Amino acid sequence: MHADRLSPAHTAAEPPLVPAVVRAVAVLDTLARRRQPMGMSQLAAELALPRSSVHGLCNTLLTLGFLRRQADGLLMIGPHVMSLAEAYVASIDVAREFDAVWQAMDRPPEETVVLSVLDGSDVIYLAARNGSRPLGMAFSVGMRLPAHIAATGKAMLAYSELAVVRRLVGQGALARMTDRGPSTAEALVAELADSRARGYSIDDEGVRLGVYCIAAPVIDATGKPVAGVGVCLNKAMFGHGDVAQQRQRVLDTARALSRRLGGDLPSAAAAAVPDSSKPRRGSSRQGA
C-alpha cells in the first residue's frame, strides 16, 4: 500500500486528511498485511516515502506502543494496537449486527438460522430466525445446548485453542442427545480438525434426528471466535442444491458478521468443499 493511495482529499466532498496521520496508518497497515517483521528501509520503499519521514513515524509509533522492535532491529505491530481492537469489539453487539444482516434481506429465510455464543461448555442462543419450513424443533433466544453437539458450538471450538477445548469437554465420555456425534474427547478433536480444514462445522442429527445443521464461526478483530452462525435443515426435505446453497449462506453471513466486528473468516472457509461434507444418512462421522 503506497502512501499516495491514502492521500488527502480524493474528492471535494471528503474532509481534509492530516498527512502525518495517513502515513502512520499506512505504516501500521503495511505491517499488518505483511504479518512479518520489516525494517524502516523496507517500509520506506514499500510506501514510497522518504526514509527520514518513516524514521520519525516509526519512532513515534514505537514510543506510543503501536510498534515494537525486535532484537535484530526489525519492527512489528505493538501491543497497544490490541487495546484499540478490544475497545472496538466491546462496542459492538453481535446480536444486533446479526439482526441487521437479516433485516437487509428482501424476505426472511426459509430455513432456521441461529446465532450463539459459548458459555462454558454450552452454547447459548442470542438470536434465532425459525424458518418457514417445518423442522421438528424450535430454537429460541436463551436456549442452551452442549457446545460439542451443536454445530455453532463446534464452529467456535474448531477455532479455539486445543487446551481450551479439552478443558471444556473434560476427559470422560461426552453426553449425547441422539446416537450420533462424537462420544469421546478424541473423536471431538478429530471432528474439529475436519471442521477447521473445510471452514465450517456440521451437526448431522446430533441434536435431533432428521435435523442437519451447518455453522461457521464469527471472528472478531483479535482473530478469536466470538459467536457461531448456523442454518438448520430438515433432512426429509433436502432438495437438489439445498445443502450447497445454505452452506454458502452460512459462510457469507459469518463473513459479513466477522467484518462488522473488524475480523474476517480464515481462508479455509473459502476453500473447495470436499465430498465427505455431504450429508449421509446413517453416518455418525459428521455427527454433532
C-alpha atoms as a PDB file:
ATOM      1  CA  MET A   1       0.000   0.000   0.000  1.00  0.00           C
ATOM      2  CA  HIS A   2       1.650   3.217  -1.130  1.00  0.00           C
ATOM      3  CA  ALA A   3       1.075   6.275   0.988  1.00  0.00           C
ATOM      4  CA  ASP A   4      -0.170   8.255  -2.004  1.00  0.00           C
ATOM      5  CA  ARG A   5      -3.154   5.907  -2.195  1.00  0.00           C
ATOM      6  CA  LEU A   6      -4.254   7.423   1.084  1.00  0.00           C
ATOM      7  CA  SER A   7      -3.532  10.973   0.009  1.00  0.00           C
ATOM      8  CA  PRO A   8      -5.808  13.741   1.317  1.00  0.00           C
ATOM      9  CA  ALA A   9      -8.995  14.910  -0.358  1.00  0.00           C
ATOM     10  CA  HIS A  10      -9.742  12.404  -3.107  1.00  0.00           C
ATOM     11  CA  THR A  11     -12.837  14.453  -3.887  1.00  0.00           C
ATOM     12  CA  ALA A  12     -14.053  17.881  -2.905  1.00  0.00           C
ATOM     13  CA  ALA A  13     -16.775  16.330  -0.763  1.00  0.00           C
ATOM     14  CA  GLU A  14     -14.327  14.499   1.500  1.00  0.00           C
ATOM     15  CA  PRO A  15     -12.933  16.226   4.592  1.00  0.00           C
ATOM     16  CA  PRO A  16      -9.217  17.087   4.504  1.00  0.00           C
ATOM     17  CA  LEU A  17      -6.903  14.461   5.999  1.00  0.00           C
ATOM     18  CA  VAL A  18      -3.791  15.021   8.097  1.00  0.00           C
ATOM     19  CA  PRO A  19      -0.863  13.665   6.046  1.00  0.00           C
ATOM     20  CA  ALA A  20       1.177  12.525   9.056  1.00  0.00           C
ATOM     21  CA  VAL A  21      -1.750  10.502  10.413  1.00  0.00           C
ATOM     22  CA  VAL A  22      -2.412   8.982   6.988  1.00  0.00           C
ATOM     23  CA  ARG A  23       1.251   7.916   6.728  1.00  0.00           C
ATOM     24  CA  ALA A  24       1.307   6.492  10.253  1.00  0.00           C
ATOM     25  CA  VAL A  25      -1.770   4.384   9.472  1.00  0.00           C
ATOM     26  CA  ALA A  26      -0.119   3.270   6.223  1.00  0.00           C
ATOM     27  CA  VAL A  27       2.888   2.014   8.237  1.00  0.00           C
ATOM     28  CA  LEU A  28       0.610   0.004  10.541  1.00  0.00           C
ATOM     29  CA  ASP A  29      -1.475  -1.335   7.644  1.00  0.00           C
ATOM     30  CA  THR A  30       1.645  -2.479   5.805  1.00  0.00           C
ATOM     31  CA  LEU A  31       2.988  -4.384   8.803  1.00  0.00           C
ATOM     32  CA  ALA A  32      -0.431  -5.892   9.493  1.00  0.00           C
ATOM     33  CA  ARG A  33      -0.781  -7.030   5.884  1.00  0.00           C
ATOM     34  CA  ARG A  34       2.727  -8.473   5.636  1.00  0.00           C
ATOM     35  CA  ARG A  35       2.476 -10.259   9.013  1.00  0.00           C
ATOM     36  CA  GLN A  36       6.258 -10.336   9.292  1.00  0.00           C
ATOM     37  CA  PRO A  37       8.927  -8.002  10.730  1.00  0.00           C
ATOM     38  CA  MET A  38      10.151  -5.203   8.468  1.00  0.00           C
ATOM     39  CA  GLY A  39      12.937  -2.655   8.658  1.00  0.00           C
ATOM     40  CA  MET A  40      12.479   1.075   8.237  1.00  0.00           C
ATOM     41  CA  SER A  41      14.195   0.981   4.842  1.00  0.00           C
ATOM     42  CA  GLN A  42      11.768  -1.714   3.676  1.00  0.00           C
ATOM     43  CA  LEU A  43       8.815   0.325   4.884  1.00  0.00           C
ATOM     44  CA  ALA A  44      10.113   3.453   3.163  1.00  0.00           C
ATOM     45  CA  ALA A  45      10.452   1.561  -0.125  1.00  0.00           C
ATOM     46  CA  GLU A  46       7.033  -0.101   0.249  1.00  0.00           C
ATOM     47  CA  LEU A  47       5.293   3.210   0.963  1.00  0.00           C
ATOM     48  CA  ALA A  48       7.373   5.324  -1.409  1.00  0.00           C
ATOM     49  CA  LEU A  49       8.216   7.732   1.413  1.00  0.00           C
ATOM     50  CA  PRO A  50      11.498   9.405   2.412  1.00  0.00           C
ATOM     51  CA  ARG A  51      13.490   7.387   4.936  1.00  0.00           C
ATOM     52  CA  SER A  52      13.619  10.384   7.257  1.00  0.00           C
ATOM     53  CA  SER A  53       9.812  10.552   7.332  1.00  0.00           C
ATOM     54  CA  VAL A  54       9.436   6.830   8.019  1.00  0.00           C
ATOM     55  CA  HIS A  55      12.108   7.033  10.721  1.00  0.00           C
ATOM     56  CA  GLY A  56      10.156   9.755  12.516  1.00  0.00           C
ATOM     57  CA  LEU A  57       6.841   7.960  12.126  1.00  0.00           C
ATOM     58  CA  CYS A  58       8.200   4.657  13.403  1.00  0.00           C
ATOM     59  CA  ASN A  59       9.944   6.209  16.399  1.00  0.00           C
ATOM     60  CA  THR A  60       6.709   7.933  17.380  1.00  0.00           C
ATOM     61  CA  LEU A  61       4.712   4.704  16.986  1.00  0.00           C
ATOM     62  CA  LEU A  62       7.357   2.815  18.986  1.00  0.00           C
ATOM     63  CA  THR A  63       7.159   5.345  21.824  1.00  0.00           C
ATOM     64  CA  LEU A  64       3.362   5.094  21.907  1.00  0.00           C
ATOM     65  CA  GLY A  65       3.380   1.265  21.848  1.00  0.00           C
ATOM     66  CA  PHE A  66       1.820   0.838  18.404  1.00  0.00           C
ATOM     67  CA  LEU A  67       5.066  -0.742  17.166  1.00  0.00           C
ATOM     68  CA  ARG A  68       7.687  -2.912  18.850  1.00  0.00           C
ATOM     69  CA  ARG A  69      11.275  -3.502  17.874  1.00  0.00           C
ATOM     70  CA  GLN A  70      12.844  -6.957  17.744  1.00  0.00           C
ATOM     71  CA  ALA A  71      16.383  -7.714  18.863  1.00  0.00           C
ATOM     72  CA  ASP A  72      17.529  -7.548  15.238  1.00  0.00           C
ATOM     73  CA  GLY A  73      16.026  -4.076  14.861  1.00  0.00           C
ATOM     74  CA  LEU A  74      13.079  -5.068  12.673  1.00  0.00           C
ATOM     75  CA  LEU A  75       9.646  -3.726  13.512  1.00  0.00           C
ATOM     76  CA  MET A  76       6.352  -5.432  14.242  1.00  0.00           C
ATOM     77  CA  ILE A  77       2.872  -4.367  15.362  1.00  0.00           C
ATOM     78  CA  GLY A  78       2.949  -3.356  19.025  1.00  0.00           C
ATOM     79  CA  PRO A  79       0.728  -4.300  21.967  1.00  0.00           C
ATOM     80  CA  HIS A  80      -1.165  -1.005  22.141  1.00  0.00           C
ATOM     81  CA  VAL A  81      -2.986  -1.925  18.939  1.00  0.00           C
ATOM     82  CA  MET A  82      -4.707  -4.733  20.853  1.00  0.00           C
ATOM     83  CA  SER A  83      -6.340  -2.322  23.298  1.00  0.00           C
ATOM     84  CA  LEU A  84      -7.925  -0.489  20.373  1.00  0.00           C
ATOM     85  CA  ALA A  85      -9.191  -3.744  18.887  1.00  0.00           C
ATOM     86  CA  GLU A  86     -10.642  -4.835  22.224  1.00  0.00           C
ATOM     87  CA  ALA A  87     -12.336  -1.468  22.707  1.00  0.00           C
ATOM     88  CA  TYR A  88     -13.868  -1.738  19.238  1.00  0.00           C
ATOM     89  CA  VAL A  89     -15.110  -5.277  19.879  1.00  0.00           C
ATOM     90  CA  ALA A  90     -16.587  -4.220  23.229  1.00  0.00           C
ATOM     91  CA  SER A  91     -18.602  -1.517  21.476  1.00  0.00           C
ATOM     92  CA  ILE A  92     -20.214  -3.969  19.029  1.00  0.00           C
ATOM     93  CA  ASP A  93     -23.286  -6.030  19.827  1.00  0.00           C
ATOM     94  CA  VAL A  94     -23.001  -9.195  17.711  1.00  0.00           C
ATOM     95  CA  ALA A  95     -26.721  -9.978  18.108  1.00  0.00           C
ATOM     96  CA  ARG A  96     -27.633  -6.517  16.848  1.00  0.00           C
ATOM     97  CA  GLU A  97     -25.316  -6.946  13.877  1.00  0.00           C
ATOM     98  CA  PHE A  98     -26.868 -10.365  13.182  1.00  0.00           C
ATOM     99  CA  ASP A  99     -30.309  -8.750  13.094  1.00  0.00           C
ATOM    100  CA  ALA A 100     -29.026  -6.072  10.739  1.00  0.00           C
ATOM    101  CA  VAL A 101     -27.734  -8.684   8.300  1.00  0.00           C
ATOM    102  CA  TRP A 102     -31.102 -10.430   8.032  1.00  0.00           C
ATOM    103  CA  GLN A 103     -33.173  -7.248   8.007  1.00  0.00           C
ATOM    104  CA  ALA A 104     -31.282  -6.220   4.891  1.00  0.00           C
ATOM    105  CA  MET A 105     -32.741  -9.208   3.030  1.00  0.00           C
ATOM    106  CA  ASP A 106     -35.800  -8.931   0.782  1.00  0.00           C
ATOM    107  CA  ARG A 107     -37.558 -11.791   2.545  1.00  0.00           C
ATOM    108  CA  PRO A 108     -36.972 -13.916   5.663  1.00  0.00           C
ATOM    109  CA  PRO A 109     -35.003 -17.165   5.218  1.00  0.00           C
ATOM    110  CA  GLU A 110     -36.976 -20.335   4.579  1.00  0.00           C
ATOM    111  CA  GLU A 111     -34.622 -22.299   6.819  1.00  0.00           C
ATOM    112  CA  THR A 112     -33.955 -21.787  10.516  1.00  0.00           C
ATOM    113  CA  VAL A 113     -30.937 -19.560  11.157  1.00  0.00           C
ATOM    114  CA  VAL A 114     -29.350 -19.230  14.610  1.00  0.00           C
ATOM    115  CA  LEU A 115     -26.627 -17.241  16.386  1.00  0.00           C
ATOM    116  CA  SER A 116     -24.967 -18.487  19.555  1.00  0.00           C
ATOM    117  CA  VAL A 117     -22.004 -17.805  21.839  1.00  0.00           C
ATOM    118  CA  LEU A 118     -20.021 -20.094  24.109  1.00  0.00           C
ATOM    119  CA  ASP A 119     -20.987 -20.123  27.776  1.00  0.00           C
ATOM    120  CA  GLY A 120     -18.695 -22.616  29.481  1.00  0.00           C
ATOM    121  CA  SER A 121     -19.195 -25.997  27.835  1.00  0.00           C
ATOM    122  CA  ASP A 122     -22.567 -24.945  26.372  1.00  0.00           C
ATOM    123  CA  VAL A 123     -23.740 -22.636  23.652  1.00  0.00           C
ATOM    124  CA  ILE A 124     -26.441 -20.129  24.439  1.00  0.00           C
ATOM    125  CA  TYR A 125     -28.565 -18.777  21.596  1.00  0.00           C
ATOM    126  CA  LEU A 126     -28.618 -14.994  21.249  1.00  0.00           C
ATOM    127  CA  ALA A 127     -30.840 -14.896  18.188  1.00  0.00           C
ATOM    128  CA  ALA A 128     -32.928 -17.341  16.190  1.00  0.00           C
ATOM    129  CA  ARG A 129     -34.853 -16.949  12.961  1.00  0.00           C
ATOM    130  CA  ASN A 130     -37.105 -20.003  12.767  1.00  0.00           C
ATOM    131  CA  GLY A 131     -37.716 -20.671   9.091  1.00  0.00           C
ATOM    132  CA  SER A 132     -40.960 -21.199   7.269  1.00  0.00           C
ATOM    133  CA  ARG A 133     -40.211 -24.868   6.557  1.00  0.00           C
ATOM    134  CA  PRO A 134     -41.078 -27.391   9.308  1.00  0.00           C
ATOM    135  CA  LEU A 135     -38.008 -28.533  11.234  1.00  0.00           C
ATOM    136  CA  GLY A 136     -39.248 -30.674  14.103  1.00  0.00           C
ATOM    137  CA  MET A 137     -37.788 -28.380  16.760  1.00  0.00           C
ATOM    138  CA  ALA A 138     -37.810 -24.675  17.524  1.00  0.00           C
ATOM    139  CA  PHE A 139     -34.802 -22.630  18.586  1.00  0.00           C
ATOM    140  CA  SER A 140     -35.370 -19.725  20.957  1.00  0.00           C
ATOM    141  CA  VAL A 141     -33.296 -16.946  22.474  1.00  0.00           C
ATOM    142  CA  GLY A 142     -31.700 -18.170  25.729  1.00  0.00           C
ATOM    143  CA  MET A 143     -31.843 -21.842  24.711  1.00  0.00           C
ATOM    144  CA  ARG A 144     -28.758 -23.847  25.696  1.00  0.00           C
ATOM    145  CA  LEU A 145     -27.155 -26.906  24.095  1.00  0.00           C
ATOM    146  CA  PRO A 146     -23.832 -28.695  24.677  1.00  0.00           C
ATOM    147  CA  ALA A 147     -21.178 -26.992  22.556  1.00  0.00           C
ATOM    148  CA  HIS A 148     -19.698 -30.307  21.409  1.00  0.00           C
ATOM    149  CA  ILE A 149     -23.071 -31.274  19.891  1.00  0.00           C
ATOM    150  CA  ALA A 150     -24.408 -28.036  18.396  1.00  0.00           C
ATOM    151  CA  ALA A 151     -22.990 -27.052  15.006  1.00  0.00           C
ATOM    152  CA  THR A 152     -22.440 -23.452  16.121  1.00  0.00           C
ATOM    153  CA  GLY A 153     -20.597 -24.677  19.209  1.00  0.00           C
ATOM    154  CA  LYS A 154     -18.320 -26.871  17.135  1.00  0.00           C
ATOM    155  CA  ALA A 155     -17.671 -23.993  14.736  1.00  0.00           C
ATOM    156  CA  MET A 156     -16.331 -21.920  17.640  1.00  0.00           C
ATOM    157  CA  LEU A 157     -14.441 -24.808  19.258  1.00  0.00           C
ATOM    158  CA  ALA A 158     -12.759 -25.601  15.927  1.00  0.00           C
ATOM    159  CA  TYR A 159     -11.060 -22.194  16.044  1.00  0.00           C
ATOM    160  CA  SER A 160     -10.286 -22.277  19.772  1.00  0.00           C
ATOM    161  CA  GLU A 161      -7.046 -23.445  21.342  1.00  0.00           C
ATOM    162  CA  LEU A 162      -6.873 -27.197  21.873  1.00  0.00           C
ATOM    163  CA  ALA A 163      -6.191 -26.736  25.596  1.00  0.00           C
ATOM    164  CA  VAL A 164      -9.404 -24.712  25.888  1.00  0.00           C
ATOM    165  CA  VAL A 165     -11.402 -27.425  24.112  1.00  0.00           C
ATOM    166  CA  ARG A 166     -10.025 -30.183  26.350  1.00  0.00           C
ATOM    167  CA  ARG A 167     -10.701 -28.163  29.469  1.00  0.00           C
ATOM    168  CA  LEU A 168     -14.310 -27.545  28.433  1.00  0.00           C
ATOM    169  CA  VAL A 169     -15.207 -31.131  27.475  1.00  0.00           C
ATOM    170  CA  GLY A 170     -13.102 -32.990  30.062  1.00  0.00           C
ATOM    171  CA  GLN A 171     -11.663 -36.492  29.697  1.00  0.00           C
ATOM    172  CA  GLY A 172     -14.685 -38.751  30.143  1.00  0.00           C
ATOM    173  CA  ALA A 173     -17.435 -39.844  27.782  1.00  0.00           C
ATOM    174  CA  LEU A 174     -19.279 -36.980  26.120  1.00  0.00           C
ATOM    175  CA  ALA A 175     -23.002 -36.554  26.617  1.00  0.00           C
ATOM    176  CA  ARG A 176     -25.120 -37.230  23.549  1.00  0.00           C
ATOM    177  CA  MET A 177     -28.661 -36.283  22.615  1.00  0.00           C
ATOM    178  CA  THR A 178     -29.020 -38.965  19.936  1.00  0.00           C
ATOM    179  CA  ASP A 179     -26.842 -41.866  18.838  1.00  0.00           C
ATOM    180  CA  ARG A 180     -24.910 -39.534  16.523  1.00  0.00           C
ATOM    181  CA  GLY A 181     -21.913 -37.313  17.069  1.00  0.00           C
ATOM    182  CA  PRO A 182     -18.606 -37.664  18.978  1.00  0.00           C
ATOM    183  CA  SER A 183     -18.726 -39.742  22.144  1.00  0.00           C
ATOM    184  CA  THR A 184     -15.173 -39.011  23.338  1.00  0.00           C
ATOM    185  CA  ALA A 185     -12.888 -36.001  23.528  1.00  0.00           C
ATOM    186  CA  GLU A 186     -10.549 -37.543  20.960  1.00  0.00           C
ATOM    187  CA  ALA A 187     -13.385 -38.071  18.498  1.00  0.00           C
ATOM    188  CA  LEU A 188     -14.432 -34.456  19.001  1.00  0.00           C
ATOM    189  CA  VAL A 189     -10.883 -33.169  18.452  1.00  0.00           C
ATOM    190  CA  ALA A 190     -10.701 -35.133  15.183  1.00  0.00           C
ATOM    191  CA  GLU A 191     -14.026 -33.710  14.035  1.00  0.00           C
ATOM    192  CA  LEU A 192     -12.974 -30.175  14.954  1.00  0.00           C
ATOM    193  CA  ALA A 193      -9.854 -30.606  12.829  1.00  0.00           C
ATOM    194  CA  ASP A 194     -12.085 -31.584   9.894  1.00  0.00           C
ATOM    195  CA  SER A 195     -14.306 -28.562  10.540  1.00  0.00           C
ATOM    196  CA  ARG A 196     -11.365 -26.212  10.601  1.00  0.00           C
ATOM    197  CA  ALA A 197      -9.920 -27.675   7.401  1.00  0.00           C
ATOM    198  CA  ARG A 198     -13.099 -27.037   5.408  1.00  0.00           C
ATOM    199  CA  GLY A 199     -14.073 -23.796   7.209  1.00  0.00           C
ATOM    200  CA  TYR A 200     -17.420 -24.829   8.695  1.00  0.00           C
ATOM    201  CA  SER A 201     -18.903 -27.416  11.068  1.00  0.00           C
ATOM    202  CA  ILE A 202     -21.718 -29.929  10.727  1.00  0.00           C
ATOM    203  CA  ASP A 203     -24.291 -31.391  13.088  1.00  0.00           C
ATOM    204  CA  ASP A 204     -25.769 -34.390  11.306  1.00  0.00           C
ATOM    205  CA  GLU A 205     -28.692 -35.386  13.593  1.00  0.00           C
ATOM    206  CA  GLY A 206     -26.686 -34.940  16.789  1.00  0.00           C
ATOM    207  CA  VAL A 207     -29.213 -32.525  18.314  1.00  0.00           C
ATOM    208  CA  ARG A 208     -32.360 -34.036  16.793  1.00  0.00           C
ATOM    209  CA  LEU A 209     -32.899 -36.933  14.388  1.00  0.00           C
ATOM    210  CA  GLY A 210     -33.811 -35.618  10.973  1.00  0.00           C
ATOM    211  CA  VAL A 211     -32.159 -32.208  11.588  1.00  0.00           C
ATOM    212  CA  TYR A 212     -28.974 -31.278   9.735  1.00  0.00           C
ATOM    213  CA  CYS A 213     -27.102 -28.078  10.691  1.00  0.00           C
ATOM    214  CA  ILE A 214     -24.190 -26.212   9.131  1.00  0.00           C
ATOM    215  CA  ALA A 215     -22.347 -23.475  11.034  1.00  0.00           C
ATOM    216  CA  ALA A 216     -19.370 -21.145  10.721  1.00  0.00           C
ATOM    217  CA  PRO A 217     -17.536 -19.031  13.293  1.00  0.00           C
ATOM    218  CA  VAL A 218     -17.787 -15.274  13.688  1.00  0.00           C
ATOM    219  CA  ILE A 219     -14.254 -13.903  14.103  1.00  0.00           C
ATOM    220  CA  ASP A 220     -13.586 -10.587  15.859  1.00  0.00           C
ATOM    221  CA  ALA A 221     -10.798  -8.039  15.394  1.00  0.00           C
ATOM    222  CA  THR A 222      -8.465 -10.035  17.648  1.00  0.00           C
ATOM    223  CA  GLY A 223      -8.804 -13.132  15.441  1.00  0.00           C
ATOM    224  CA  LYS A 224     -10.822 -15.091  18.010  1.00  0.00           C
ATOM    225  CA  PRO A 225     -14.202 -16.806  17.528  1.00  0.00           C
ATOM    226  CA  VAL A 226     -16.824 -14.829  19.428  1.00  0.00           C
ATOM    227  CA  ALA A 227     -20.001 -16.414  18.049  1.00  0.00           C
ATOM    228  CA  GLY A 228     -21.292 -19.050  15.691  1.00  0.00           C
ATOM    229  CA  VAL A 229     -23.910 -18.654  12.988  1.00  0.00           C
ATOM    230  CA  GLY A 230     -25.726 -21.674  11.619  1.00  0.00           C
ATOM    231  CA  VAL A 231     -28.588 -22.888   9.473  1.00  0.00           C
ATOM    232  CA  CYS A 232     -30.704 -25.945  10.265  1.00  0.00           C
ATOM    233  CA  LEU A 233     -32.349 -28.093   7.609  1.00  0.00           C
ATOM    234  CA  ASN A 234     -34.971 -30.826   7.651  1.00  0.00           C
ATOM    235  CA  LYS A 235     -33.241 -33.825   6.053  1.00  0.00           C
ATOM    236  CA  ALA A 236     -36.552 -35.176   4.797  1.00  0.00           C
ATOM    237  CA  MET A 237     -36.949 -32.047   2.680  1.00  0.00           C
ATOM    238  CA  PHE A 238     -33.488 -31.956   1.112  1.00  0.00           C
ATOM    239  CA  GLY A 239     -33.645 -30.832  -2.483  1.00  0.00           C
ATOM    240  CA  HIS A 240     -31.046 -30.598  -5.199  1.00  0.00           C
ATOM    241  CA  GLY A 241     -28.563 -27.893  -4.273  1.00  0.00           C
ATOM    242  CA  ASP A 242     -30.183 -27.106  -0.905  1.00  0.00           C
ATOM    243  CA  VAL A 243     -27.151 -28.007   1.196  1.00  0.00           C
ATOM    244  CA  ALA A 244     -24.651 -26.179  -1.022  1.00  0.00           C
ATOM    245  CA  GLN A 245     -26.865 -23.085  -1.131  1.00  0.00           C
ATOM    246  CA  GLN A 246     -27.393 -22.995   2.624  1.00  0.00           C
ATOM    247  CA  ARG A 247     -23.718 -23.714   3.305  1.00  0.00           C
ATOM    248  CA  GLN A 248     -22.779 -20.691   1.213  1.00  0.00           C
ATOM    249  CA  ARG A 249     -25.380 -18.593   3.009  1.00  0.00           C
ATOM    250  CA  VAL A 250     -23.840 -19.532   6.357  1.00  0.00           C
ATOM    251  CA  LEU A 251     -20.328 -18.674   5.175  1.00  0.00           C
ATOM    252  CA  ASP A 252     -21.476 -15.380   3.672  1.00  0.00           C
ATOM    253  CA  THR A 253     -23.345 -14.436   6.855  1.00  0.00           C
ATOM    254  CA  ALA A 254     -20.427 -15.405   9.116  1.00  0.00           C
ATOM    255  CA  ARG A 255     -18.059 -13.421   6.917  1.00  0.00           C
ATOM    256  CA  ALA A 256     -20.357 -10.367   6.936  1.00  0.00           C
ATOM    257  CA  LEU A 257     -20.684 -10.509  10.720  1.00  0.00           C
ATOM    258  CA  SER A 258     -16.933 -11.002  11.166  1.00  0.00           C
ATOM    259  CA  ARG A 259     -16.186  -7.955   9.047  1.00  0.00           C
ATOM    260  CA  ARG A 260     -18.689  -5.888  11.019  1.00  0.00           C
ATOM    261  CA  LEU A 261     -16.644  -6.844  14.103  1.00  0.00           C
ATOM    262  CA  GLY A 262     -13.351  -5.944  12.456  1.00  0.00           C
ATOM    263  CA  GLY A 263     -12.335  -9.543  11.692  1.00  0.00           C
ATOM    264  CA  ASP A 264     -12.599 -11.989   8.833  1.00  0.00           C
ATOM    265  CA  LEU A 265     -13.043 -15.707   8.262  1.00  0.00           C
ATOM    266  CA  PRO A 266      -9.876 -17.764   7.823  1.00  0.00           C
ATOM    267  CA  SER A 267      -9.044 -18.619   4.226  1.00  0.00           C
ATOM    268  CA  ALA A 268     -10.156 -22.227   4.757  1.00  0.00           C
ATOM    269  CA  ALA A 269     -13.743 -21.008   4.813  1.00  0.00           C
ATOM    270  CA  ALA A 270     -13.471 -20.181   1.126  1.00  0.00           C
ATOM    271  CA  ALA A 271     -11.816 -23.455   0.157  1.00  0.00           C
ATOM    272  CA  ALA A 272     -13.407 -26.051  -2.082  1.00  0.00           C
ATOM    273  CA  VAL A 273     -15.855 -28.274  -0.246  1.00  0.00           C
ATOM    274  CA  PRO A 274     -14.831 -31.952  -0.057  1.00  0.00           C
ATOM    275  CA  ASP A 275     -17.379 -34.597  -0.986  1.00  0.00           C
ATOM    276  CA  SER A 276     -17.131 -36.008   2.551  1.00  0.00           C
ATOM    277  CA  SER A 277     -19.025 -32.958   3.820  1.00  0.00           C
ATOM    278  CA  LYS A 278     -22.236 -34.040   2.094  1.00  0.00           C
ATOM    279  CA  PRO A 279     -24.959 -35.324   4.447  1.00  0.00           C
ATOM    280  CA  ARG A 280     -25.115 -39.082   4.682  1.00  0.00           C
ATOM    281  CA  ARG A 281     -27.991 -40.935   6.261  1.00  0.00           C
ATOM    282  CA  GLY A 282     -26.917 -43.311   8.997  1.00  0.00           C
ATOM    283  CA  SER A 283     -23.410 -41.855   9.271  1.00  0.00           C
ATOM    284  CA  SER A 284     -22.005 -40.652  12.590  1.00  0.00           C
ATOM    285  CA  ARG A 285     -18.659 -39.394  11.224  1.00  0.00           C
ATOM    286  CA  GLN A 286     -20.043 -35.897  10.695  1.00  0.00           C
ATOM    287  CA  GLY A 287     -22.339 -36.030  13.714  1.00  0.00           C
ATOM    288  CA  ALA A 288     -22.784 -33.142  16.095  1.00  0.00           C
END
